[in-house]
PDB file of N, CA and C in Angstrom:
ATOM      1  N   MET A   1       7.910 192.044 176.012  1.00  0.00           N
ATOM      2  CA  MET A   1       9.636 193.287 176.103  1.00  0.00           C
ATOM      3  C   MET A   1       8.349 194.042 174.564  1.00  0.00           C
ATOM      4  N   ASN A   2       8.078 193.571 173.975  1.00  0.00           N
ATOM      5  CA  ASN A   2       7.464 193.872 172.932  1.00  0.00           C
ATOM      6  C   ASN A   2       6.847 195.643 173.766  1.00  0.00           C
ATOM      7  N   LYS A   3       5.741 195.377 175.025  1.00  0.00           N
ATOM      8  CA  LYS A   3       5.665 196.600 175.428  1.00  0.00           C
ATOM      9  C   LYS A   3       6.331 197.611 175.953  1.00  0.00           C
ATOM     10  N   ARG A   4       7.918 197.081 175.935  1.00  0.00           N
ATOM     11  CA  ARG A   4       8.310 197.875 176.638  1.00  0.00           C
ATOM     12  C   ARG A   4       9.227 199.102 175.364  1.00  0.00           C
ATOM     13  N   ALA A   5       8.782 198.140 174.081  1.00  0.00           N
ATOM     14  CA  ALA A   5       9.533 198.776 173.319  1.00  0.00           C
ATOM     15  C   ALA A   5       8.828 199.627 172.402  1.00  0.00           C
ATOM     16  N   ALA A   6       7.010 199.768 172.842  1.00  0.00           N
ATOM     17  CA  ALA A   6       6.523 200.169 172.479  1.00  0.00           C
ATOM     18  C   ALA A   6       6.176 201.397 173.196  1.00  0.00           C
ATOM     19  N   SER A   7       6.336 201.548 174.555  1.00  0.00           N
ATOM     20  CA  SER A   7       6.380 202.757 175.049  1.00  0.00           C
ATOM     21  C   SER A   7       7.007 203.564 174.866  1.00  0.00           C
ATOM     22  N   LEU A   8       8.470 202.976 174.894  1.00  0.00           N
ATOM     23  CA  LEU A   8       9.547 203.654 174.627  1.00  0.00           C
ATOM     24  C   LEU A   8       9.420 204.389 173.817  1.00  0.00           C
ATOM     25  N   THR A   9       9.099 204.429 172.364  1.00  0.00           N
ATOM     26  CA  THR A   9       8.631 204.775 170.839  1.00  0.00           C
ATOM     27  C   THR A   9       7.499 205.894 171.042  1.00  0.00           C
ATOM     28  N   ILE A  10       6.553 205.742 171.727  1.00  0.00           N
ATOM     29  CA  ILE A  10       5.602 207.028 171.899  1.00  0.00           C
ATOM     30  C   ILE A  10       6.456 207.846 173.056  1.00  0.00           C
ATOM     31  N   GLU A  11       6.944 207.434 173.737  1.00  0.00           N
ATOM     32  CA  GLU A  11       7.450 208.582 174.684  1.00  0.00           C
ATOM     33  C   GLU A  11       8.732 209.630 173.973  1.00  0.00           C
ATOM     34  N   THR A  12       9.463 208.573 172.830  1.00  0.00           N
ATOM     35  CA  THR A  12      10.275 209.045 172.223  1.00  0.00           C
ATOM     36  C   THR A  12       9.666 210.434 171.369  1.00  0.00           C
ATOM     37  N   ILE A  13       8.459 210.021 170.658  1.00  0.00           N
ATOM     38  CA  ILE A  13       7.560 210.621 169.694  1.00  0.00           C
ATOM     39  C   ILE A  13       7.104 212.125 170.668  1.00  0.00           C
ATOM     40  N   ILE A  14       6.893 211.468 171.856  1.00  0.00           N
ATOM     41  CA  ILE A  14       5.919 212.932 172.632  1.00  0.00           C
ATOM     42  C   ILE A  14       6.753 213.620 172.718  1.00  0.00           C
ATOM     43  N   VAL A  15       8.078 213.465 173.014  1.00  0.00           N
ATOM     44  CA  VAL A  15       9.045 214.173 173.400  1.00  0.00           C
ATOM     45  C   VAL A  15       9.753 215.010 172.154  1.00  0.00           C
ATOM     46  N   ALA A  16       9.603 214.622 171.288  1.00  0.00           N
ATOM     47  CA  ALA A  16      10.097 215.012 170.155  1.00  0.00           C
ATOM     48  C   ALA A  16       9.444 215.882 169.510  1.00  0.00           C
ATOM     49  N   ALA A  17       7.999 215.885 169.767  1.00  0.00           N
ATOM     50  CA  ALA A  17       7.122 216.774 169.598  1.00  0.00           C
ATOM     51  C   ALA A  17       7.492 218.327 170.022  1.00  0.00           C
ATOM     52  N   LEU A  18       7.277 217.632 171.412  1.00  0.00           N
ATOM     53  CA  LEU A  18       7.464 218.741 172.871  1.00  0.00           C
ATOM     54  C   LEU A  18       8.673 219.790 172.220  1.00  0.00           C
ATOM     55  N   GLY A  19       9.403 219.010 171.532  1.00  0.00           N
ATOM     56  CA  GLY A  19      10.757 219.685 171.597  1.00  0.00           C
ATOM     57  C   GLY A  19      10.786 220.432 170.467  1.00  0.00           C
ATOM     58  N   LEU A  20      10.276 220.261 169.218  1.00  0.00           N
ATOM     59  CA  LEU A  20       9.957 220.852 167.811  1.00  0.00           C
ATOM     60  C   LEU A  20       8.293 222.177 168.258  1.00  0.00           C
ATOM     61  N   ILE A  21       7.679 222.278 168.872  1.00  0.00           N
ATOM     62  CA  ILE A  21       6.855 223.042 169.121  1.00  0.00           C
ATOM     63  C   ILE A  21       8.189 224.067 170.438  1.00  0.00           C
ATOM     64  N   ALA A  22       8.377 223.659 171.142  1.00  0.00           N
ATOM     65  CA  ALA A  22       9.577 224.948 171.707  1.00  0.00           C
ATOM     66  C   ALA A  22      10.514 225.311 170.892  1.00  0.00           C
ATOM     67  N   LEU A  23      11.137 224.912 169.675  1.00  0.00           N
ATOM     68  CA  LEU A  23      12.035 224.876 168.636  1.00  0.00           C
ATOM     69  C   LEU A  23      11.340 226.779 167.695  1.00  0.00           C
ATOM     70  N   VAL A  24       9.871 226.044 167.211  1.00  0.00           N
ATOM     71  CA  VAL A  24       8.852 226.836 166.717  1.00  0.00           C
ATOM     72  C   VAL A  24       8.996 227.985 167.444  1.00  0.00           C
ATOM     73  N   LEU A  25       8.276 227.524 168.590  1.00  0.00           N
ATOM     74  CA  LEU A  25       8.110 229.178 169.587  1.00  0.00           C
ATOM     75  C   LEU A  25       9.477 229.949 169.826  1.00  0.00           C
ATOM     76  N   LEU A  26      10.681 229.467 169.543  1.00  0.00           N
ATOM     77  CA  LEU A  26      11.764 230.075 169.878  1.00  0.00           C
ATOM     78  C   LEU A  26      11.793 230.924 168.806  1.00  0.00           C
ATOM     79  N   GLY A  27      11.917 230.299 167.991  1.00  0.00           N
ATOM     80  CA  GLY A  27      12.525 230.777 166.128  1.00  0.00           C
ATOM     81  C   GLY A  27      11.168 231.365 166.016  1.00  0.00           C
ATOM     82  N   LEU A  28      10.217 232.167 166.260  1.00  0.00           N
ATOM     83  CA  LEU A  28       9.085 233.372 165.857  1.00  0.00           C
ATOM     84  C   LEU A  28       9.868 234.090 167.137  1.00  0.00           C
ATOM     85  N   LEU A  29      10.013 233.708 168.057  1.00  0.00           N
ATOM     86  CA  LEU A  29      10.526 235.246 169.416  1.00  0.00           C
ATOM     87  C   LEU A  29      11.901 235.331 168.643  1.00  0.00           C
ATOM     88  N   PHE A  30      12.198 234.720 168.324  1.00  0.00           N
ATOM     89  CA  PHE A  30      13.989 235.616 167.514  1.00  0.00           C
ATOM     90  C   PHE A  30      13.619 236.389 166.357  1.00  0.00           C
ATOM     91  N   LYS A  31      12.729 235.460 165.252  1.00  0.00           N
ATOM     92  CA  LYS A  31      12.046 236.372 164.328  1.00  0.00           C
ATOM     93  C   LYS A  31      11.835 237.812 164.753  1.00  0.00           C
ATOM     94  N   THR A  32      10.663 237.854 165.460  1.00  0.00           N
ATOM     95  CA  THR A  32      10.538 239.127 166.015  1.00  0.00           C
ATOM     96  C   THR A  32      10.993 239.769 166.199  1.00  0.00           C
ATOM     97  N   GLN A  33      12.219 239.712 167.560  1.00  0.00           N
ATOM     98  CA  GLN A  33      13.754 240.803 167.954  1.00  0.00           C
ATOM     99  C   GLN A  33      14.444 241.232 167.292  1.00  0.00           C
ATOM    100  N   ILE A  34      14.526 240.225 166.296  1.00  0.00           N
ATOM    101  CA  ILE A  34      15.709 240.153 165.069  1.00  0.00           C
ATOM    102  C   ILE A  34      15.229 241.448 164.146  1.00  0.00           C
ATOM    103  N   THR A  35      13.806 241.723 163.943  1.00  0.00           N
ATOM    104  CA  THR A  35      13.505 242.029 162.857  1.00  0.00           C
ATOM    105  C   THR A  35      13.103 243.906 163.863  1.00  0.00           C
ATOM    106  N   LYS A  36      12.786 243.942 164.779  1.00  0.00           N
ATOM    107  CA  LYS A  36      13.210 245.168 165.487  1.00  0.00           C
ATOM    108  C   LYS A  36      14.282 245.951 165.462  1.00  0.00           C
ATOM    109  N   THR A  37      15.285 245.050 165.867  1.00  0.00           N
ATOM    110  CA  THR A  37      16.524 245.282 166.543  1.00  0.00           C
ATOM    111  C   THR A  37      17.531 245.934 164.365  1.00  0.00           C
ATOM    112  N   SER A  38      17.403 245.010 163.666  1.00  0.00           N
ATOM    113  CA  SER A  38      17.027 245.858 162.508  1.00  0.00           C
ATOM    114  C   SER A  38      16.387 246.959 161.917  1.00  0.00           C
ATOM    115  N   GLN A  39      15.279 247.102 162.465  1.00  0.00           N
ATOM    116  CA  GLN A  39      14.974 248.215 162.402  1.00  0.00           C
ATOM    117  C   GLN A  39      15.361 249.537 162.962  1.00  0.00           C
ATOM    118  N   THR A  40      15.799 248.944 164.395  1.00  0.00           N
ATOM    119  CA  THR A  40      16.740 250.143 164.935  1.00  0.00           C
ATOM    120  C   THR A  40      18.051 250.371 164.649  1.00  0.00           C
ATOM    121  N   LEU A  41      18.640 249.459 164.215  1.00  0.00           N
ATOM    122  CA  LEU A  41      20.135 249.515 163.567  1.00  0.00           C
ATOM    123  C   LEU A  41      20.051 250.255 162.326  1.00  0.00           C
ATOM    124  N   PHE A  42      19.443 249.542 161.573  1.00  0.00           N
ATOM    125  CA  PHE A  42      19.793 250.095 160.235  1.00  0.00           C
ATOM    126  C   PHE A  42      18.667 251.675 160.105  1.00  0.00           C
ATOM    127  N   GLY A  43      17.736 251.917 160.974  1.00  0.00           N
ATOM    128  CA  GLY A  43      17.143 253.302 160.839  1.00  0.00           C
ATOM    129  C   GLY A  43      15.844 253.139 159.487  1.00  0.00           C
ATOM    130  N   ILE A  44      15.050 252.264 159.174  1.00  0.00           N
ATOM    131  CA  ILE A  44      14.152 251.575 158.632  1.00  0.00           C
ATOM    132  C   ILE A  44      13.268 251.596 159.445  1.00  0.00           C
ATOM    133  N   SER A  45      12.424 252.580 159.505  1.00  0.00           N
ATOM    134  CA  SER A  45      10.628 252.255 160.257  1.00  0.00           C
ATOM    135  C   SER A  45       9.720 252.548 159.398  1.00  0.00           C
ATOM    136  N   GLN A  46       8.628 252.448 160.180  1.00  0.00           N
ATOM    137  CA  GLN A  46       7.593 252.456 159.349  1.00  0.00           C
ATOM    138  C   GLN A  46       6.854 253.926 158.891  1.00  0.00           C
ATOM    139  N   ASP A  47       7.719 255.079 159.308  1.00  0.00           N
ATOM    140  CA  ASP A  47       7.900 256.457 158.100  1.00  0.00           C
ATOM    141  C   ASP A  47       8.500 256.388 157.354  1.00  0.00           C
ATOM    142  N   ALA A  48       9.737 255.731 157.248  1.00  0.00           N
ATOM    143  CA  ALA A  48      10.867 255.796 156.563  1.00  0.00           C
ATOM    144  C   ALA A  48       9.910 254.657 155.073  1.00  0.00           C
ATOM    145  N   GLN A  49       9.244 253.722 155.392  1.00  0.00           N
ATOM    146  CA  GLN A  49       8.809 252.881 154.865  1.00  0.00           C
ATOM    147  C   GLN A  49       7.842 253.567 153.634  1.00  0.00           C
ATOM    148  N   ASP A  50       6.556 254.596 154.989  1.00  0.00           N
ATOM    149  CA  ASP A  50       5.881 254.642 154.033  1.00  0.00           C
ATOM    150  C   ASP A  50       6.227 255.890 153.563  1.00  0.00           C
ATOM    151  N   GLU A  51       7.619 257.112 153.644  1.00  0.00           N
ATOM    152  CA  GLU A  51       8.184 257.399 152.181  1.00  0.00           C
ATOM    153  C   GLU A  51       8.391 256.965 151.455  1.00  0.00           C
ATOM    154  N   SER A  52       8.913 256.239 151.570  1.00  0.00           N
ATOM    155  CA  SER A  52       9.680 255.687 149.925  1.00  0.00           C
ATOM    156  C   SER A  52       8.806 255.389 148.957  1.00  0.00           C
ATOM    157  N   ARG A  53       7.120 254.778 149.115  1.00  0.00           N
ATOM    158  CA  ARG A  53       6.142 254.657 148.561  1.00  0.00           C
ATOM    159  C   ARG A  53       5.101 256.070 148.284  1.00  0.00           C
ATOM    160  N   GLY A  54       5.414 257.142 148.707  1.00  0.00           N
ATOM    161  CA  GLY A  54       5.055 258.120 148.143  1.00  0.00           C
ATOM    162  C   GLY A  54       5.424 258.635 147.365  1.00  0.00           C
ATOM    163  N   THR A  55       4.315 259.214 146.137  1.00  0.00           N
ATOM    164  CA  THR A  55       4.777 259.299 145.203  1.00  0.00           C
ATOM    165  C   THR A  55       4.699 260.713 144.467  1.00  0.00           C
ATOM    166  N   ASN A  56       4.405 261.332 145.403  1.00  0.00           N
ATOM    167  CA  ASN A  56       4.074 263.216 145.522  1.00  0.00           C
ATOM    168  C   ASN A  56       5.338 263.479 146.029  1.00  0.00           C
ATOM    169  N   LYS A  57       6.512 262.736 146.613  1.00  0.00           N
ATOM    170  CA  LYS A  57       7.457 263.643 146.897  1.00  0.00           C
ATOM    171  C   LYS A  57       9.506 263.273 146.117  1.00  0.00           C
ATOM    172  N   CYS A  58       9.540 264.293 145.568  1.00  0.00           N
ATOM    173  CA  CYS A  58      10.603 264.389 145.061  1.00  0.00           C
ATOM    174  C   CYS A  58      11.758 263.234 145.621  1.00  0.00           C
ATOM    175  N   GLU A  59      11.977 263.823 146.600  1.00  0.00           N
ATOM    176  CA  GLU A  59      12.905 262.997 147.252  1.00  0.00           C
ATOM    177  C   GLU A  59      12.393 262.185 148.434  1.00  0.00           C
ATOM    178  N   ASN A  60      12.922 260.752 148.286  1.00  0.00           N
ATOM    179  CA  ASN A  60      12.260 259.518 149.070  1.00  0.00           C
ATOM    180  C   ASN A  60      13.606 258.734 149.103  1.00  0.00           C
ATOM    181  N   LEU A  61      13.204 257.813 149.780  1.00  0.00           N
ATOM    182  CA  LEU A  61      14.296 256.770 150.624  1.00  0.00           C
ATOM    183  C   LEU A  61      15.053 255.970 149.330  1.00  0.00           C
ATOM    184  N   LEU A  62      13.918 255.766 148.353  1.00  0.00           N
ATOM    185  CA  LEU A  62      14.484 254.645 147.112  1.00  0.00           C
ATOM    186  C   LEU A  62      14.163 255.498 145.676  1.00  0.00           C
ATOM    187  N   SER A  63      14.238 256.975 145.425  1.00  0.00           N
ATOM    188  CA  SER A  63      13.988 257.103 144.201  1.00  0.00           C
ATOM    189  C   SER A  63      15.762 257.508 143.939  1.00  0.00           C
ATOM    190  N   ASN A  64      16.202 258.151 142.598  1.00  0.00           N
ATOM    191  CA  ASN A  64      16.997 258.810 142.408  1.00  0.00           C
ATOM    192  C   ASN A  64      16.770 260.159 142.065  1.00  0.00           C
ATOM    193  N   ARG A  65      15.551 261.057 142.446  1.00  0.00           N
ATOM    194  CA  ARG A  65      15.724 262.094 142.494  1.00  0.00           C
ATOM    195  C   ARG A  65      16.078 263.262 143.469  1.00  0.00           C
ATOM    196  N   LYS A  66      16.175 264.210 143.554  1.00  0.00           N
ATOM    197  CA  LYS A  66      16.740 265.203 144.424  1.00  0.00           C
ATOM    198  C   LYS A  66      16.329 266.529 143.816  1.00  0.00           C
ATOM    199  N   CYS A  67      15.454 267.615 145.146  1.00  0.00           N
ATOM    200  CA  CYS A  67      15.747 268.495 144.856  1.00  0.00           C
ATOM    201  C   CYS A  67      16.826 270.106 144.222  1.00  0.00           C
ATOM    202  N   LEU A  68      17.297 270.374 143.733  1.00  0.00           N
ATOM    203  CA  LEU A  68      18.125 271.147 143.124  1.00  0.00           C
ATOM    204  C   LEU A  68      17.772 272.297 142.540  1.00  0.00           C
ATOM    205  N   ASN A  69      18.856 273.499 142.606  1.00  0.00           N
ATOM    206  CA  ASN A  69      18.699 275.008 142.170  1.00  0.00           C
ATOM    207  C   ASN A  69      18.314 274.862 141.279  1.00  0.00           C
ATOM    208  N   THR A  70      19.152 273.884 140.066  1.00  0.00           N
ATOM    209  CA  THR A  70      19.252 273.905 138.557  1.00  0.00           C
ATOM    210  C   THR A  70      19.901 272.099 138.454  1.00  0.00           C
ATOM    211  N   CYS A  71      19.264 271.620 137.312  1.00  0.00           N
ATOM    212  CA  CYS A  71      19.339 270.427 136.954  1.00  0.00           C
ATOM    213  C   CYS A  71      20.192 270.191 135.774  1.00  0.00           C
ATOM    214  N   ALA A  72      21.222 270.985 136.237  1.00  0.00           N
ATOM    215  CA  ALA A  72      22.813 270.757 135.509  1.00  0.00           C
ATOM    216  C   ALA A  72      23.565 269.562 135.695  1.00  0.00           C
ATOM    217  N   SER A  73      24.539 269.683 135.235  1.00  0.00           N
ATOM    218  CA  SER A  73      25.534 268.302 135.862  1.00  0.00           C
ATOM    219  C   SER A  73      26.549 268.340 136.805  1.00  0.00           C
ATOM    220  N   GLN A  74      26.799 268.001 137.399  1.00  0.00           N
ATOM    221  CA  GLN A  74      27.898 268.694 138.721  1.00  0.00           C
ATOM    222  C   GLN A  74      28.466 267.281 138.702  1.00  0.00           C
ATOM    223  N   THR A  75      29.662 267.770 139.266  1.00  0.00           N
ATOM    224  CA  THR A  75      31.031 266.816 139.657  1.00  0.00           C
ATOM    225  C   THR A  75      31.024 266.476 141.575  1.00  0.00           C
ATOM    226  N   ALA A  76      31.021 265.107 141.330  1.00  0.00           N
ATOM    227  CA  ALA A  76      30.836 264.675 142.599  1.00  0.00           C
ATOM    228  C   ALA A  76      32.351 265.075 143.511  1.00  0.00           C
ATOM    229  N   SER A  77      32.199 264.725 144.794  1.00  0.00           N
ATOM    230  CA  SER A  77      33.594 264.842 145.333  1.00  0.00           C
ATOM    231  C   SER A  77      34.596 263.873 144.740  1.00  0.00           C
ATOM    232  N   ASP A  78      34.493 262.946 143.886  1.00  0.00           N
ATOM    233  CA  ASP A  78      35.663 261.312 144.207  1.00  0.00           C
ATOM    234  C   ASP A  78      35.299 261.865 142.213  1.00  0.00           C
ATOM    235  N   GLY A  79      35.372 263.242 141.600  1.00  0.00           N
ATOM    236  CA  GLY A  79      35.412 263.529 140.559  1.00  0.00           C
ATOM    237  C   GLY A  79      34.433 263.191 138.969  1.00  0.00           C
ATOM    238  N   ARG A  80      34.030 261.810 139.605  1.00  0.00           N
ATOM    239  CA  ARG A  80      32.531 261.548 138.483  1.00  0.00           C
ATOM    240  C   ARG A  80      31.763 262.696 138.416  1.00  0.00           C
ATOM    241  N   SER A  81      31.268 262.474 137.474  1.00  0.00           N
ATOM    242  CA  SER A  81      30.247 263.773 136.747  1.00  0.00           C
ATOM    243  C   SER A  81      28.738 263.015 136.806  1.00  0.00           C
ATOM    244  N   ILE A  82      27.701 263.879 137.889  1.00  0.00           N
ATOM    245  CA  ILE A  82      26.322 263.544 137.402  1.00  0.00           C
ATOM    246  C   ILE A  82      25.861 263.919 136.804  1.00  0.00           C
ATOM    247  N   ASN A  83      24.912 263.451 135.756  1.00  0.00           N
ATOM    248  CA  ASN A  83      23.897 264.390 134.824  1.00  0.00           C
ATOM    249  C   ASN A  83      22.608 264.389 135.884  1.00  0.00           C
ATOM    250  N   TRP A  84      22.066 265.276 135.464  1.00  0.00           N
ATOM    251  CA  TRP A  84      20.275 265.783 136.473  1.00  0.00           C
ATOM    252  C   TRP A  84      19.623 266.048 134.807  1.00  0.00           C
ATOM    253  N   ARG A  85      18.512 265.741 135.044  1.00  0.00           N
ATOM    254  CA  ARG A  85      17.509 266.314 133.877  1.00  0.00           C
ATOM    255  C   ARG A  85      16.294 266.317 135.015  1.00  0.00           C
ATOM    256  N   ASP A  86      15.212 266.812 134.372  1.00  0.00           N
ATOM    257  CA  ASP A  86      13.750 267.511 135.048  1.00  0.00           C
ATOM    258  C   ASP A  86      13.108 266.495 135.116  1.00  0.00           C
ATOM    259  N   ALA A  87      12.711 266.011 135.889  1.00  0.00           N
ATOM    260  CA  ALA A  87      11.851 265.002 136.813  1.00  0.00           C
ATOM    261  C   ALA A  87      10.202 265.436 136.227  1.00  0.00           C
ATOM    262  N   ILE A  88       9.705 264.490 135.772  1.00  0.00           N
ATOM    263  CA  ILE A  88       8.367 264.421 134.418  1.00  0.00           C
ATOM    264  C   ILE A  88       7.399 264.240 135.536  1.00  0.00           C
ATOM    265  N   PRO A  89       6.741 264.676 136.293  1.00  0.00           N
ATOM    266  CA  PRO A  89       5.713 263.529 137.235  1.00  0.00           C
ATOM    267  C   PRO A  89       4.494 263.281 136.891  1.00  0.00           C
ATOM    268  N   LEU A  90       4.421 262.639 136.890  1.00  0.00           N
ATOM    269  CA  LEU A  90       2.785 261.626 136.356  1.00  0.00           C
ATOM    270  C   LEU A  90       1.616 262.397 136.648  1.00  0.00           C
ATOM    271  N   PRO A  91       0.787 262.399 135.817  1.00  0.00           N
ATOM    272  CA  PRO A  91      -0.804 263.267 135.730  1.00  0.00           C
ATOM    273  C   PRO A  91      -1.279 262.758 137.509  1.00  0.00           C
ATOM    274  N   GLY A  92      -1.184 264.037 138.297  1.00  0.00           N
ATOM    275  CA  GLY A  92      -1.524 263.729 139.492  1.00  0.00           C
ATOM    276  C   GLY A  92      -0.786 264.028 140.571  1.00  0.00           C
ATOM    277  N   GLU A  93       0.165 264.193 140.296  1.00  0.00           N
ATOM    278  CA  GLU A  93       1.854 264.249 141.233  1.00  0.00           C
ATOM    279  C   GLU A  93       2.000 265.710 141.145  1.00  0.00           C
ATOM    280  N   THR A  94       2.411 265.828 142.296  1.00  0.00           N
ATOM    281  CA  THR A  94       3.206 267.084 142.317  1.00  0.00           C
ATOM    282  C   THR A  94       4.288 267.046 143.067  1.00  0.00           C
ATOM    283  N   TRP A  95       5.846 267.731 142.907  1.00  0.00           N
ATOM    284  CA  TRP A  95       6.028 267.643 143.480  1.00  0.00           C
ATOM    285  C   TRP A  95       6.745 268.995 144.947  1.00  0.00           C
ATOM    286  N   ASN A  96       7.636 268.529 146.198  1.00  0.00           N
ATOM    287  CA  ASN A  96       7.334 268.776 147.342  1.00  0.00           C
ATOM    288  C   ASN A  96       8.419 270.009 147.147  1.00  0.00           C
ATOM    289  N   CYS A  97       9.261 270.045 146.631  1.00  0.00           N
ATOM    290  CA  CYS A  97      10.643 271.129 146.578  1.00  0.00           C
ATOM    291  C   CYS A  97      10.373 272.644 147.021  1.00  0.00           C
ATOM    292  N   ALA A  98      11.104 273.016 148.105  1.00  0.00           N
ATOM    293  CA  ALA A  98      10.484 274.474 148.394  1.00  0.00           C
ATOM    294  C   ALA A  98      11.839 275.293 147.524  1.00  0.00           C
ATOM    295  N   ASN A  99      11.664 276.353 148.052  1.00  0.00           N
ATOM    296  CA  ASN A  99      12.631 277.643 148.369  1.00  0.00           C
ATOM    297  C   ASN A  99      12.703 277.567 146.460  1.00  0.00           C
ATOM    298  N   GLY A 100      12.080 277.609 145.905  1.00  0.00           N
ATOM    299  CA  GLY A 100      12.172 277.770 144.176  1.00  0.00           C
ATOM    300  C   GLY A 100      12.853 276.478 143.874  1.00  0.00           C
ATOM    301  N   LYS A 101      13.127 275.687 144.305  1.00  0.00           N
ATOM    302  CA  LYS A 101      14.102 274.444 143.757  1.00  0.00           C
ATOM    303  C   LYS A 101      13.554 273.454 142.925  1.00  0.00           C
ATOM    304  N   GLN A 102      13.607 272.866 142.057  1.00  0.00           N
ATOM    305  CA  GLN A 102      13.250 271.828 141.279  1.00  0.00           C
ATOM    306  C   GLN A 102      13.371 270.639 141.168  1.00  0.00           C
ATOM    307  N   CYS A 103      12.342 269.555 140.987  1.00  0.00           N
ATOM    308  CA  CYS A 103      12.535 267.999 141.218  1.00  0.00           C
ATOM    309  C   CYS A 103      13.638 267.813 140.042  1.00  0.00           C
ATOM    310  N   CYS A 104      14.964 267.098 140.296  1.00  0.00           N
ATOM    311  CA  CYS A 104      15.512 266.622 139.375  1.00  0.00           C
ATOM    312  C   CYS A 104      16.068 265.232 139.431  1.00  0.00           C
ATOM    313  N   GLU A 105      16.283 264.797 138.113  1.00  0.00           N
ATOM    314  CA  GLU A 105      16.347 263.178 138.122  1.00  0.00           C
ATOM    315  C   GLU A 105      17.921 262.861 137.861  1.00  0.00           C
ATOM    316  N   LYS A 106      18.171 261.620 138.460  1.00  0.00           N
ATOM    317  CA  LYS A 106      19.889 261.322 138.105  1.00  0.00           C
ATOM    318  C   LYS A 106      19.207 260.153 137.048  1.00  0.00           C
ATOM    319  N   VAL A 107      20.517 260.936 135.711  1.00  0.00           N
ATOM    320  CA  VAL A 107      20.297 260.213 134.916  1.00  0.00           C
ATOM    321  C   VAL A 107      21.915 259.031 134.982  1.00  0.00           C
ATOM    322  N   GLU A 108      21.404 257.551 134.640  1.00  0.00           N
ATOM    323  CA  GLU A 108      22.268 256.767 134.810  1.00  0.00           C
ATOM    324  C   GLU A 108      22.634 256.369 133.821  1.00  0.00           C
TER     325      GLU A 108
END
């Protein structure tokens, strides 16, 4: 009777190990698919990530800078006042504003 109890335990351990391996593989598969889907749905692509890390661009995904005709205060559509100031580039940086516009930074 002891042999039967021991063999049942080994079989249970083997089944549990195989189940755990299957769960890990399914988790990795779903993680990859969720990442791809979220990038598609939210528009977060490699190009957008590269752009957000760019230091020589005035307007990018994560900055509070914008190319404007003038860095004067503006009124938003909801009536709030938005204050802008000239964005000061670090040494070696240049802004990519075209048509005579200047790079302005939002004052928080």
